[in-house]
C-alpha cells in the first residue's frame, strides 16, 4: 500500500507531501491545479521514462519519494531479497531526475536501475489513465490482457524464452548458410590448389638440393677439370701426394729407434696418408658420378620450373608452400565441419519448431477457454456499471487465414469486440465513440484484472470521463467496492464519485513569492462538503449545493 508520496521541484510543485490511507482516496481540484503532476510523479515511481523538462524552472533536479508498506511474505519482499536489497515492512523508493537526462534510483537506500524499479513497481501499483485508455483500444494489447486474466503470463513467458532461442538459432543458421555459400564458392579452387601442391610431391629442403645440383651442372666442365687434376695429383700421378707420403713414411720408419718423437711423426704421416687416400677416393667417385647428361639437366630444369611456379603462388620456400597446403586443408576441413554443423543446427531448429508449435497449440487451447470466461466476467462487470445488455466477445483471427505464423506470444491474434446496444452488431473496441462507455469498460477490465495482479494500490485517472448522473454514482460504488480489497486512488471531477471516498484530498494552485505553486490538502468533513458542493455547482457555491453535498456524503 502507498503510504506517502513526497514531490520536490517537479513541474509547478516546489515541495509537496501527500499521505494516503487504506480504502478509497479521492483527489479533486480545479482544472490546471496540478492533479496530472501527481500522476506524473506516480509514473516516475513506476519506472516510466523521464525528461529533464519535468524539472521545475530554476531547479537542478526533481525528486520523488514513495513510501510503501509491504508484507514480509509478499512477492515484492521476495523480489527484493533475490536482488540483495534490505527488506522491512516499509519500502522507500526515491527517483531523482537531473538536467541532462541523468536518473538516480534508490530502493531502501541502495542504488537500482530503472528496469529494476519498473519490475518492482508492477507488483506495487497499477495506473489506469488516458494512456491506458488508448492502449486498451489497440488490438495488439488485447492478447496480453487475455493472458493476464487467464493466469497465462508465466506460461506465455516460458514460451517466449523458447521462441527467443528459436529466433537466435534461426539467425545462426542464416549466418552459417551465408558463410557456407561463400566458402563453397571457394571450395573447388581450394581443392584445385591442394591437388596442384600434392601432385608436385614436394619434400622439405628439395629446392636447396635442386639448386645445388643445378649449379654443379652449370659448372660441370670446370668441376671435371679440377677433379681430374686433383685425382692426378693425389693418386694417379708418378709423383702423387700419396706416393710421396708413402716414400717419406718409409724413410722416417728408420728413425723411430732413436727417439719417440720420430714415432709420433710417422703416426701423423700415416694419418695424413689415410686422409689423402680418403679424399682421393671421394674425388674419384665424384669424378665418375659427374653427369653431363642433357636429359638430366632438362629434368632438373623442369623440376625447378614446377617448384618456382608453386613458390610464386603459394610461398617463397617449400616450407612455406607446405604451410599453405596445411592452411588450405584446415580451411577445407572447416567448410566440411560447417556443413555438418549446419545440418545439426537444422535438426535442432526442426525439433525446437515442433516444440514451439506444441506450446503454442496448448496456449491457444487455454486462451479459447479463457476467452469465454473473460466474456462472462466483463459482461457481468459492465452490467453492474449501468451497461446492461452489453455483449462482449474475444475474437481469434488465426483460423481460416491459411497457415498460422509463430510469434513471440504464440500464433493467436485476438481483438476485443463489443456491442453496447441490444440488437447492434459487435464492433471492434477501437470503434467505440462514447468516452463514457470506454471509461467503464476500462474500469471493468481493471476490476477483473486486479484479482490477477499482486498490486495492492490501484490508481484511476479520468475514470469519470464522459459519464455523469446515475452512471457516475454506479462507477463510484464500483470504486468503493474495489477499495474493500485494494487501496484505490481516484482523481475525479464528479461529486457522485468523490462522495464515496474514505478520505478526500484537494489539489489547488496559488502564487507564492511570484511563483506558481501547487499544494494538496486533506479535507475535513466541512471542507469536504464545500468541495463537493463546488463540484456540483461550479465556482459559485450555493446553499442548495451545500445541502446536496451534505446529503450525498450522508448517503455514502
Protein backbone atom coordinates (compact mmCIF):
# COMPACT_ATOMS: atom_id res chain seq x y z
CA UNK A 1 0.00 0.00 0.00
CA UNK A 2 1.19 3.52 -0.84
CA UNK A 3 1.59 5.39 2.45
CA UNK A 4 3.18 8.64 1.36
CA UNK A 5 4.30 10.50 -1.74
CA UNK A 6 6.82 13.34 -1.46
CA UNK A 7 7.43 15.50 -4.52
CA UNK A 8 10.13 18.18 -4.91
CA UNK A 9 10.84 20.57 -7.80
CA UNK A 10 8.56 18.77 -10.26
CA UNK A 11 6.74 20.99 -12.79
CA UNK A 12 5.00 23.69 -10.70
CA UNK A 13 5.41 21.77 -7.44
CA UNK A 14 8.01 23.14 -5.05
CA UNK A 15 7.52 20.82 -2.08
CA UNK A 16 4.55 18.53 -1.66
CA UNK A 17 3.81 15.79 0.85
CA UNK A 18 0.81 13.54 0.29
CA UNK A 19 -0.31 10.95 2.82
CA UNK A 20 -2.64 8.22 1.62
CA UNK A 21 -4.88 5.87 3.55
CA UNK A 22 -6.39 2.43 3.04
CA UNK A 23 -9.67 2.33 1.12
CA UNK A 24 -10.80 4.89 -1.47
CA UNK A 25 -8.62 8.01 -1.69
CA UNK A 26 -10.30 10.80 -3.66
CA UNK A 27 -8.25 13.56 -5.31
CA UNK A 28 -10.06 16.55 -6.77
CA UNK A 29 -9.29 20.12 -7.77
CA UNK A 30 -9.95 22.63 -10.48
CA UNK A 31 -8.60 22.07 -13.98
CA UNK A 32 -4.93 23.08 -14.16
CA UNK A 33 -4.37 22.85 -10.42
CA UNK A 34 -1.75 20.14 -10.86
CA UNK A 35 -3.59 16.84 -10.43
CA UNK A 36 -1.86 15.43 -13.52
CA UNK A 37 1.51 16.15 -11.89
CA UNK A 38 0.59 13.66 -9.17
CA UNK A 39 0.08 11.04 -11.87
CA UNK A 40 3.43 12.04 -13.41
CA UNK A 41 5.06 11.53 -10.02
CA UNK A 42 3.45 8.12 -9.59
CA UNK A 43 4.59 7.16 -13.10
CA UNK A 44 8.15 8.15 -12.25
CA UNK A 45 7.98 5.75 -9.30
CA UNK A 46 6.70 3.13 -11.75
CA UNK A 47 9.86 3.48 -13.85
CA UNK A 48 8.23 5.36 -16.72
CA UNK A 49 10.65 7.31 -18.91
CA UNK A 50 11.51 10.73 -17.56
CA UNK A 51 12.52 14.03 -19.13
CA UNK A 52 14.56 16.94 -17.80
CA UNK A 53 11.68 19.16 -18.96
CA UNK A 54 9.75 17.85 -15.94
CA UNK A 55 12.14 19.67 -13.58
CA UNK A 56 10.80 22.89 -12.11
CA UNK A 57 12.13 26.03 -13.74
CA UNK A 58 15.28 27.23 -11.98
CA UNK A 59 15.92 23.92 -10.19
CA UNK A 60 18.76 21.46 -10.79
CA UNK A 61 16.79 18.29 -10.18
CA UNK A 62 13.35 16.91 -9.44
CA UNK A 63 12.84 14.32 -6.72
CA UNK A 64 10.01 11.91 -5.99
CA UNK A 65 9.85 9.70 -2.91
CA UNK A 66 7.26 6.97 -2.37
CA UNK A 67 6.83 5.07 0.87
CA UNK A 68 5.00 1.73 0.69
CA UNK A 69 4.03 -0.78 3.32
CA UNK A 70 4.81 -4.35 2.25
CA UNK A 71 4.10 -7.68 3.95
CA UNK A 72 7.31 -9.64 4.56
CA UNK A 73 5.82 -12.66 2.78
CA UNK A 74 4.82 -10.70 -0.35
CA UNK A 75 6.18 -11.12 -3.88
CA UNK A 76 7.73 -7.66 -3.51
CA UNK A 77 9.73 -8.80 -0.48
CA UNK A 78 10.84 -11.97 -2.28
CA UNK A 79 11.93 -9.94 -5.32
CA UNK A 80 13.93 -7.53 -3.14
CA UNK A 81 15.62 -10.42 -1.33
CA UNK A 82 16.60 -12.03 -4.64
CA UNK A 83 18.33 -8.80 -5.69
CA UNK A 84 20.02 -8.30 -2.33
CA UNK A 85 18.05 -5.26 -1.17
CA UNK A 86 17.22 -4.82 2.52
CA UNK A 87 13.66 -5.87 3.32
CA UNK A 88 11.48 -4.33 6.00
CA UNK A 89 7.78 -3.70 6.49
CA UNK A 90 8.24 -0.39 4.70
CA UNK A 91 9.75 0.22 1.27
CA UNK A 92 11.18 3.60 0.31
CA UNK A 93 11.68 4.35 -3.38
CA UNK A 94 13.45 7.55 -4.45
CA UNK A 95 13.86 8.76 -8.01
CA UNK A 96 15.90 11.82 -8.89
CA UNK A 97 15.85 13.43 -12.33
CA UNK A 98 18.72 15.73 -13.18
CA UNK A 99 19.19 18.16 -16.01
CA UNK A 100 21.00 16.45 -18.85
CA UNK A 101 18.75 13.40 -18.55
CA UNK A 102 20.56 11.62 -15.72
CA UNK A 103 18.46 9.45 -13.39
CA UNK A 104 19.20 8.06 -9.96
CA UNK A 105 17.03 5.41 -8.36
CA UNK A 106 17.34 4.34 -4.73
CA UNK A 107 15.48 1.39 -3.23
CA UNK A 108 15.70 1.30 0.56
CA UNK A 109 18.85 3.40 0.31
CA UNK A 110 20.59 1.24 -2.31
CA UNK A 111 21.17 2.22 -5.94
CA UNK A 112 18.99 0.49 -8.52
CA UNK A 113 18.34 0.62 -12.26
CA UNK A 114 15.17 1.99 -13.83
CA UNK A 115 14.48 -1.54 -15.12
CA UNK A 116 14.56 -2.97 -11.59
CA UNK A 117 12.28 -0.12 -10.49
CA UNK A 118 9.87 -0.91 -13.32
CA UNK A 119 9.77 -4.61 -12.41
CA UNK A 120 9.23 -3.77 -8.75
CA UNK A 121 6.53 -1.16 -9.38
CA UNK A 122 4.40 -3.63 -11.35
CA UNK A 123 3.95 -5.52 -8.09
CA UNK A 124 3.16 -2.39 -6.10
CA UNK A 125 0.91 -0.08 -8.07
CA UNK A 126 -1.29 -0.09 -11.15
CA UNK A 127 -2.38 3.05 -13.02
CA UNK A 128 -5.38 3.48 -15.31
CA UNK A 129 -5.39 6.80 -17.10
CA UNK A 130 -5.64 8.40 -20.52
CA UNK A 131 -2.62 6.50 -21.86
CA UNK A 132 -4.00 3.21 -20.58
CA UNK A 133 -7.36 4.01 -22.22
CA UNK A 134 -5.60 4.49 -25.54
CA UNK A 135 -3.59 1.30 -25.06
CA UNK A 136 -6.83 -0.58 -24.37
CA UNK A 137 -8.11 0.41 -27.81
CA UNK A 138 -5.12 -1.15 -29.57
CA UNK A 139 -5.83 -4.70 -30.66
CA UNK A 140 -2.16 -5.69 -30.24
CA UNK A 141 -2.59 -5.29 -26.46
CA UNK A 142 -5.68 -7.48 -26.15
CA UNK A 143 -3.82 -10.79 -26.19
CA UNK A 144 -1.76 -9.81 -23.15
CA UNK A 145 -4.91 -8.76 -21.29
CA UNK A 146 -6.49 -12.12 -22.14
CA UNK A 147 -3.40 -13.96 -20.89
CA UNK A 148 -3.29 -11.81 -17.77
CA UNK A 149 -6.90 -12.62 -16.96
CA UNK A 150 -6.33 -16.33 -17.60
CA UNK A 151 -3.18 -16.51 -15.49
CA UNK A 152 -1.23 -17.49 -18.58
CA UNK A 153 1.54 -14.89 -18.37
CA UNK A 154 4.04 -17.28 -16.79
CA UNK A 155 3.33 -19.94 -19.41
CA UNK A 156 3.49 -17.29 -22.14
CA UNK A 157 6.83 -16.09 -20.76
CA UNK A 158 8.15 -19.66 -20.87
CA UNK A 159 7.05 -19.93 -24.49
CA UNK A 160 8.64 -16.54 -25.28
CA UNK A 161 12.03 -17.66 -23.93
CA UNK A 162 11.95 -20.75 -26.14
CA UNK A 163 10.86 -18.58 -29.08
CA UNK A 164 13.78 -16.20 -28.50
CA UNK A 165 16.17 -19.18 -28.50
CA UNK A 166 14.44 -20.36 -31.67
CA UNK A 167 14.93 -16.97 -33.39
CA UNK A 168 18.58 -16.85 -32.29
CA UNK A 169 19.04 -20.33 -33.74
CA UNK A 170 17.32 -19.20 -36.94
CA UNK A 171 19.73 -16.26 -37.20
CA UNK A 172 22.69 -18.54 -36.50
CA UNK A 173 21.56 -20.87 -39.30
CA UNK A 174 21.13 -17.93 -41.67
CA UNK A 175 24.60 -16.58 -40.86
CA UNK A 176 26.19 -20.03 -41.19
CA UNK A 177 24.44 -20.63 -44.52
CA UNK A 178 25.71 -17.32 -45.87
CA UNK A 179 29.24 -18.15 -44.73
CA UNK A 180 28.99 -21.65 -46.17
CA UNK A 181 27.74 -20.35 -49.51
CA UNK A 182 30.76 -18.05 -49.70
CA UNK A 183 33.08 -20.86 -48.61
CA UNK A 184 31.60 -23.29 -51.12
CA UNK A 185 32.27 -20.82 -53.91
CA UNK A 186 35.95 -21.16 -52.95
CA UNK A 187 35.85 -24.90 -52.26
CA UNK A 188 36.62 -26.01 -55.83
CA UNK A 189 39.52 -23.56 -56.03
CA UNK A 190 40.85 -24.84 -52.69
CA UNK A 191 40.61 -28.45 -53.91
CA UNK A 192 42.40 -27.50 -57.17
CA UNK A 193 45.17 -25.77 -55.22
CA UNK A 194 45.59 -28.80 -52.96
CA UNK A 195 45.76 -31.13 -55.99
CA UNK A 196 48.34 -28.86 -57.59
CA UNK A 197 50.54 -28.88 -54.50
CA UNK A 198 50.04 -32.60 -53.84
CA UNK A 199 50.86 -33.55 -57.44
CA UNK A 200 54.28 -31.90 -57.10
CA UNK A 201 55.24 -34.32 -54.31
CA UNK A 202 57.34 -31.70 -52.57
CA UNK A 203 59.86 -32.57 -49.88
CA UNK A 204 61.31 -30.12 -47.40
CA UNK A 205 64.80 -28.96 -48.49
CA UNK A 206 64.28 -30.30 -52.00
CA UNK A 207 64.64 -26.87 -53.58
CA UNK A 208 68.01 -26.31 -51.89
CA UNK A 209 69.28 -29.70 -53.07
CA UNK A 210 67.96 -28.99 -56.55
CA UNK A 211 69.73 -25.63 -56.70
CA UNK A 212 72.96 -27.26 -55.56
CA UNK A 213 72.74 -29.94 -58.26
CA UNK A 214 71.75 -27.37 -60.86
CA UNK A 215 74.84 -25.28 -60.03
CA UNK A 216 77.02 -28.36 -60.42
CA UNK A 217 75.50 -28.99 -63.85
CA UNK A 218 76.10 -25.41 -64.85
CA UNK A 219 79.79 -25.68 -63.83
CA UNK A 220 80.31 -29.36 -64.69
CA UNK A 221 83.19 -28.77 -67.17
CA UNK A 222 85.24 -26.74 -64.73
CA UNK A 223 84.46 -29.13 -61.87
CA UNK A 224 85.56 -32.10 -64.02
CA UNK A 225 88.88 -30.43 -64.84
CA UNK A 226 89.56 -29.62 -61.20
CA UNK A 227 88.61 -33.12 -60.06
CA UNK A 228 90.80 -34.75 -62.74
CA UNK A 229 93.77 -32.61 -61.74
CA UNK A 230 93.16 -33.29 -58.07
CA UNK A 231 92.90 -37.05 -58.63
CA UNK A 232 96.08 -36.97 -60.71
CA UNK A 233 98.00 -35.03 -58.05
CA UNK A 234 96.67 -37.05 -55.17
CA UNK A 235 96.72 -40.58 -56.53
CA UNK A 236 97.41 -41.38 -60.19
CA UNK A 237 100.47 -39.27 -60.95
CA UNK A 238 104.04 -40.61 -60.74
CA UNK A 239 104.80 -38.03 -58.10
CA UNK A 240 101.37 -38.09 -56.44
CA UNK A 241 100.87 -36.88 -52.90
CA UNK A 242 100.06 -40.37 -51.67
CA UNK A 243 103.15 -41.96 -53.25
CA UNK A 244 105.35 -39.22 -51.81
CA UNK A 245 103.80 -39.69 -48.37
CA UNK A 246 104.42 -43.45 -48.71
CA UNK A 247 108.10 -42.80 -49.52
CA UNK A 248 108.56 -40.33 -46.67
CA UNK A 249 106.92 -42.71 -44.18
CA UNK A 250 109.35 -45.47 -45.26
CA UNK A 251 112.36 -43.27 -44.65
CA UNK A 252 111.05 -41.99 -41.31
CA UNK A 253 110.44 -45.53 -40.07
CA UNK A 254 114.23 -45.98 -39.73
CA UNK A 255 114.41 -43.12 -37.25
CA UNK A 256 111.85 -44.43 -34.72
CA UNK A 257 114.53 -46.32 -32.75
CA UNK A 258 116.39 -43.12 -31.96
CA UNK A 259 113.60 -41.04 -30.45
CA UNK A 260 109.91 -41.46 -29.68
CA UNK A 261 109.20 -38.18 -31.36
CA UNK A 262 110.06 -39.78 -34.72
CA UNK A 263 107.46 -42.45 -33.99
CA UNK A 264 104.86 -39.73 -33.41
CA UNK A 265 105.85 -38.12 -36.70
CA UNK A 266 105.40 -41.41 -38.52
CA UNK A 267 101.98 -41.83 -36.93
CA UNK A 268 100.95 -38.33 -38.06
CA UNK A 269 102.19 -39.07 -41.58
CA UNK A 270 100.19 -42.31 -41.63
CA UNK A 271 97.08 -40.33 -40.69
CA UNK A 272 97.82 -37.77 -43.41
CA UNK A 273 98.24 -40.58 -45.93
CA UNK A 274 94.94 -42.20 -44.91
CA UNK A 275 93.19 -38.80 -45.17
CA UNK A 276 94.74 -38.19 -48.58
CA UNK A 277 93.61 -41.64 -49.75
CA UNK A 278 90.05 -40.92 -48.49
CA UNK A 279 89.98 -37.59 -50.30
CA UNK A 280 91.38 -39.19 -53.46
CA UNK A 281 88.70 -41.90 -53.25
CA UNK A 282 85.91 -39.28 -52.87
CA UNK A 283 87.37 -37.20 -55.71
CA UNK A 284 87.46 -40.29 -57.90
CA UNK A 285 83.87 -41.17 -57.01
CA UNK A 286 82.71 -37.63 -57.71
CA UNK A 287 84.60 -37.63 -60.96
CA UNK A 288 82.99 -40.89 -62.03
CA UNK A 289 79.48 -39.71 -60.98
CA UNK A 290 79.73 -36.27 -62.52
CA UNK A 291 76.96 -36.26 -65.13
CA UNK A 292 76.86 -34.14 -68.21
CA UNK A 293 73.66 -35.86 -69.44
CA UNK A 294 71.45 -33.19 -71.15
CA UNK A 295 68.30 -35.16 -70.27
CA UNK A 296 69.18 -34.98 -66.58
CA UNK A 297 69.75 -31.25 -66.94
CA UNK A 298 66.37 -30.91 -68.66
CA UNK A 299 64.73 -32.86 -65.84
CA UNK A 300 66.32 -30.58 -63.28
CA UNK A 301 65.15 -27.50 -65.16
CA UNK A 302 61.59 -28.86 -65.40
CA UNK A 303 61.52 -29.72 -61.69
CA UNK A 304 62.98 -26.34 -60.86
CA UNK A 305 60.29 -24.68 -63.01
CA UNK A 306 57.50 -26.60 -61.22
CA UNK A 307 58.79 -25.62 -57.79
CA UNK A 308 59.34 -21.98 -58.78
CA UNK A 309 55.78 -21.80 -60.16
CA UNK A 310 54.43 -23.10 -56.86
CA UNK A 311 56.62 -20.63 -54.99
CA UNK A 312 55.14 -17.74 -56.93
CA UNK A 313 51.62 -18.89 -55.97
CA UNK A 314 51.95 -20.35 -52.50
CA UNK A 315 55.18 -19.24 -50.77
CA UNK A 316 58.81 -18.34 -51.28
CA UNK A 317 60.11 -21.67 -49.93
CA UNK A 318 58.95 -25.27 -49.98
CA UNK A 319 58.36 -24.97 -46.22
CA UNK A 320 56.00 -22.03 -46.85
CA UNK A 321 54.26 -23.91 -49.68
CA UNK A 322 53.65 -26.86 -47.34
CA UNK A 323 52.35 -24.44 -44.68
CA UNK A 324 49.95 -23.04 -47.28
CA UNK A 325 48.86 -26.59 -48.03
CA UNK A 326 48.12 -27.20 -44.34
CA UNK A 327 46.11 -23.96 -44.19
CA UNK A 328 44.11 -24.98 -47.26
CA UNK A 329 43.46 -28.40 -45.71
CA UNK A 330 42.29 -26.73 -42.49
CA UNK A 331 40.01 -24.41 -44.46
CA UNK A 332 38.57 -27.32 -46.41
CA UNK A 333 38.07 -29.21 -43.17
CA UNK A 334 36.39 -26.09 -41.73
CA UNK A 335 33.98 -26.00 -44.68
CA UNK A 336 33.14 -29.64 -44.14
CA UNK A 337 32.68 -29.03 -40.39
CA UNK A 338 30.42 -26.04 -41.14
CA UNK A 339 28.31 -28.21 -43.42
CA UNK A 340 27.97 -30.81 -40.65
CA UNK A 341 27.21 -28.08 -38.08
CA UNK A 342 24.57 -26.62 -40.38
CA UNK A 343 22.86 -29.99 -40.60
CA UNK A 344 22.99 -30.29 -36.81
CA UNK A 345 21.52 -26.79 -36.37
CA UNK A 346 18.76 -27.56 -38.88
CA UNK A 347 17.88 -30.66 -36.87
CA UNK A 348 17.79 -28.64 -33.64
CA UNK A 349 15.74 -25.97 -35.41
CA UNK A 350 13.22 -28.54 -36.58
CA UNK A 351 12.96 -30.06 -33.09
CA UNK A 352 12.59 -26.63 -31.46
CA UNK A 353 10.00 -25.56 -34.02
CA UNK A 354 7.97 -28.69 -33.26
CA UNK A 355 8.24 -27.94 -29.54
CA UNK A 356 7.12 -24.33 -30.13
CA UNK A 357 4.09 -25.44 -32.10
CA UNK A 358 3.14 -27.81 -29.29
CA UNK A 359 3.49 -24.99 -26.74
CA UNK A 360 1.58 -22.56 -28.99
CA UNK A 361 -1.24 -25.08 -29.50
CA UNK A 362 -1.50 -25.58 -25.75
CA UNK A 363 -1.56 -21.82 -25.15
CA UNK A 364 -4.16 -21.33 -27.86
CA UNK A 365 -6.44 -24.01 -26.44
CA UNK A 366 -6.26 -22.42 -22.99
CA UNK A 367 -6.89 -18.96 -24.45
CA UNK A 368 -10.06 -20.12 -26.16
CA UNK A 369 -11.35 -21.40 -22.83
CA UNK A 370 -10.25 -18.24 -21.01
CA UNK A 371 -11.91 -16.05 -23.67
CA UNK A 372 -15.34 -17.35 -22.70
CA UNK A 373 -14.65 -16.70 -19.01
CA UNK A 374 -13.42 -13.18 -19.82
CA UNK A 375 -16.57 -12.51 -21.84
CA UNK A 376 -18.78 -13.51 -18.91
CA UNK A 377 -16.72 -11.57 -16.36
CA UNK A 378 -16.68 -8.32 -18.38
CA UNK A 379 -20.38 -8.52 -19.24
CA UNK A 380 -21.12 -9.03 -15.54
CA UNK A 381 -18.97 -6.03 -14.54
CA UNK A 382 -20.48 -3.83 -17.26
CA UNK A 383 -23.95 -4.84 -16.16
CA UNK A 384 -23.08 -3.52 -12.69
CA UNK A 385 -21.73 -0.33 -14.29
CA UNK A 386 -25.08 0.55 -15.89
CA UNK A 387 -24.26 -1.01 -19.28
CA UNK A 388 -26.95 -3.68 -19.25
CA UNK A 389 -27.34 -5.75 -22.39
CA UNK A 390 -23.72 -5.23 -23.44
CA UNK A 391 -22.32 -8.08 -25.48
CA UNK A 392 -18.56 -8.64 -25.30
CA UNK A 393 -16.53 -11.11 -27.33
CA UNK A 394 -12.89 -12.11 -27.80
CA UNK A 395 -12.34 -12.91 -31.46
CA UNK A 396 -9.47 -15.05 -32.71
CA UNK A 397 -8.02 -14.38 -36.14
CA UNK A 398 -5.67 -17.31 -36.56
CA UNK A 399 -8.34 -19.55 -38.07
CA UNK A 400 -9.33 -19.65 -41.73
CA UNK A 401 -6.40 -17.46 -42.72
CA UNK A 402 -4.03 -20.08 -44.04
CA UNK A 403 -1.10 -21.43 -42.05
CA UNK A 404 -0.75 -19.56 -38.73
CA UNK A 405 2.58 -17.90 -38.00
CA UNK A 406 4.55 -18.24 -34.81
CA UNK A 407 5.34 -15.02 -32.94
CA UNK A 408 6.84 -14.33 -29.52
CA UNK A 409 3.38 -14.76 -27.97
CA UNK A 410 2.24 -17.86 -29.86
CA UNK A 411 0.23 -17.83 -33.07
CA UNK A 412 -3.01 -16.29 -31.79
CA UNK A 413 -4.12 -12.84 -32.81
CA UNK A 414 -7.13 -11.59 -30.88
CA UNK A 415 -9.23 -8.47 -30.72
CA UNK A 416 -11.97 -7.40 -28.34
CA UNK A 417 -15.36 -6.81 -29.96
CA UNK A 418 -18.31 -5.22 -28.19
CA UNK A 419 -21.89 -4.17 -28.71
CA UNK A 420 -23.23 -1.73 -26.11
CA UNK A 421 -26.76 -1.71 -27.51
CA UNK A 422 -29.09 -4.69 -27.77
CA UNK A 423 -29.59 -5.75 -31.37
CA UNK A 424 -26.48 -3.97 -32.66
CA UNK A 425 -23.64 -5.86 -34.33
CA UNK A 426 -20.44 -6.33 -32.40
CA UNK A 427 -17.68 -3.93 -33.42
CA UNK A 428 -14.01 -3.64 -32.54
CA UNK A 429 -13.43 -1.96 -29.20
CA UNK A 430 -11.49 0.77 -31.03
CA UNK A 431 -14.71 1.80 -32.82
CA UNK A 432 -16.46 2.83 -29.60
CA UNK A 433 -17.29 6.53 -29.87
CA UNK A 434 -18.52 7.12 -26.32
CA UNK A 435 -15.85 8.14 -23.83
CA UNK A 436 -18.18 7.18 -21.00
CA UNK A 437 -18.53 3.65 -22.31
CA UNK A 438 -14.79 3.33 -22.77
CA UNK A 439 -14.17 4.57 -19.21
CA UNK A 440 -16.50 1.95 -17.79
CA UNK A 441 -15.05 -0.80 -19.96
CA UNK A 442 -11.61 0.19 -18.71
CA UNK A 443 -12.86 0.10 -15.13
CA UNK A 444 -14.45 -3.30 -15.73
CA UNK A 445 -11.22 -4.72 -17.16
CA UNK A 446 -9.12 -3.24 -14.36
CA UNK A 447 -11.56 -4.64 -11.80
CA UNK A 448 -11.31 -8.20 -13.06
CA UNK A 449 -7.57 -8.00 -13.74
CA UNK A 450 -6.82 -6.61 -10.29
CA UNK A 451 -7.67 -10.05 -8.93
CA UNK A 452 -4.85 -11.49 -11.07
CA UNK A 453 -2.28 -8.86 -10.08
CA UNK A 454 -0.19 -8.53 -6.95
CA UNK A 455 -0.57 -4.72 -6.92
CA UNK A 456 -2.22 -3.52 -3.72
CA UNK A 457 -2.68 0.04 -5.00
CA UNK A 458 -4.91 0.93 -7.96
CA UNK A 459 -4.77 4.46 -9.37
CA UNK A 460 -7.59 5.74 -11.59
CA UNK A 461 -7.32 8.94 -13.60
CA UNK A 462 -10.17 10.08 -15.87
CA UNK A 463 -12.27 7.06 -14.93
CA UNK A 464 -15.19 9.53 -14.91
CA UNK A 465 -14.62 10.73 -18.48
CA UNK A 466 -17.87 11.06 -20.38
CA UNK A 467 -20.19 9.95 -17.57
CA UNK A 468 -22.42 11.69 -15.07
CA UNK A 469 -25.60 11.36 -13.03
CA UNK A 470 -26.66 7.87 -12.06
CA UNK A 471 -23.86 6.27 -14.08
CA UNK A 472 -21.29 8.25 -12.12
CA UNK A 473 -22.86 7.03 -8.89
CA UNK A 474 -22.60 3.44 -10.12
CA UNK A 475 -18.93 3.96 -11.00
CA UNK A 476 -18.38 5.43 -7.55
CA UNK A 477 -19.95 2.38 -5.94
CA UNK A 478 -17.71 0.14 -8.04
CA UNK A 479 -14.61 2.02 -6.93
CA UNK A 480 -15.74 1.78 -3.32
CA UNK A 481 -16.27 -1.96 -3.73
CA UNK A 482 -12.75 -2.30 -5.15
CA UNK A 483 -11.36 -0.34 -2.21
CA UNK A 484 -12.50 -3.05 0.19
CA UNK A 485 -9.80 -5.31 -1.31
CA UNK A 486 -7.29 -2.74 -2.59
CA UNK A 487 -6.09 0.73 -1.86
CA UNK A 488 -7.75 2.86 -4.55
CA UNK A 489 -6.61 6.35 -5.52
CA UNK A 490 -9.01 8.15 -7.84
CA UNK A 491 -8.67 11.55 -9.48
CA UNK A 492 -12.18 12.75 -10.30
CA UNK A 493 -14.26 15.76 -11.33
CA UNK A 494 -17.55 14.15 -10.34
CA UNK A 495 -19.21 14.65 -6.95
CA UNK A 496 -21.00 11.30 -7.26
CA UNK A 497 -17.60 9.57 -7.18
CA UNK A 498 -15.94 11.97 -4.74
CA UNK A 499 -18.67 11.40 -2.17
CA UNK A 500 -17.80 7.68 -1.98
CA UNK A 501 -14.25 8.27 -0.73
CA UNK A 502 -12.80 7.36 2.63
CA UNK A 503 -10.52 10.39 2.51
CA UNK A 504 -10.61 13.42 0.21
CA UNK A 505 -7.52 15.33 -0.95
CA UNK A 506 -7.81 18.71 -2.64
CA UNK A 507 -5.20 19.91 -5.13
CA UNK A 508 -5.05 23.65 -5.60
CA UNK A 509 -2.76 26.16 -7.23
CA UNK A 510 -1.64 29.51 -5.88
CA UNK A 511 1.03 32.20 -6.08
CA UNK A 512 3.86 32.27 -3.55
CA UNK A 513 6.68 34.76 -3.90
CA UNK A 514 5.88 35.46 -7.56
CA UNK A 515 5.97 31.71 -8.33
CA UNK A 516 3.07 29.43 -9.14
CA UNK A 517 2.92 26.52 -6.73
CA UNK A 518 0.68 23.53 -6.24
CA UNK A 519 -0.35 22.32 -2.80
CA UNK A 520 -2.52 19.48 -1.57
CA UNK A 521 -4.81 19.47 1.45
CA UNK A 522 -6.53 16.68 3.32
CA UNK A 523 -10.10 17.89 3.77
CA UNK A 524 -12.05 17.64 6.99
CA UNK A 525 -15.78 17.00 6.95
CA UNK A 526 -16.87 20.62 6.37
CA UNK A 527 -14.13 21.27 3.80
CA UNK A 528 -15.17 18.16 2.01
CA UNK A 529 -18.80 19.29 1.91
CA UNK A 530 -17.77 22.60 0.35
CA UNK A 531 -15.52 20.89 -2.24
CA UNK A 532 -18.28 18.52 -3.30
CA UNK A 533 -20.66 21.50 -3.44
CA UNK A 534 -18.15 23.21 -5.74
CA UNK A 535 -18.03 20.12 -7.91
CA UNK A 536 -21.83 20.19 -8.05
CA UNK A 537 -22.30 23.85 -8.84
CA UNK A 538 -19.08 25.31 -10.18
CA UNK A 539 -17.35 28.44 -8.86
CA UNK A 540 -20.43 29.79 -7.03
CA UNK A 541 -21.26 27.55 -4.12
CA UNK A 542 -24.95 27.89 -3.28
CA UNK A 543 -26.72 26.85 -0.13
CA UNK A 544 -28.62 24.29 -2.17
CA UNK A 545 -25.35 22.82 -3.45
CA UNK A 546 -24.01 22.59 0.10
CA UNK A 547 -27.14 20.77 1.28
CA UNK A 548 -26.96 18.44 -1.70
CA UNK A 549 -23.30 17.72 -0.94
CA UNK A 550 -24.09 17.06 2.71
CA UNK A 551 -26.85 14.64 1.67
CA UNK A 552 -24.56 12.83 -0.78
CA UNK A 553 -21.96 12.28 1.94
CA UNK A 554 -24.59 11.15 4.41
CA UNK A 555 -25.93 8.55 1.98
CA UNK A 556 -22.43 7.38 1.14
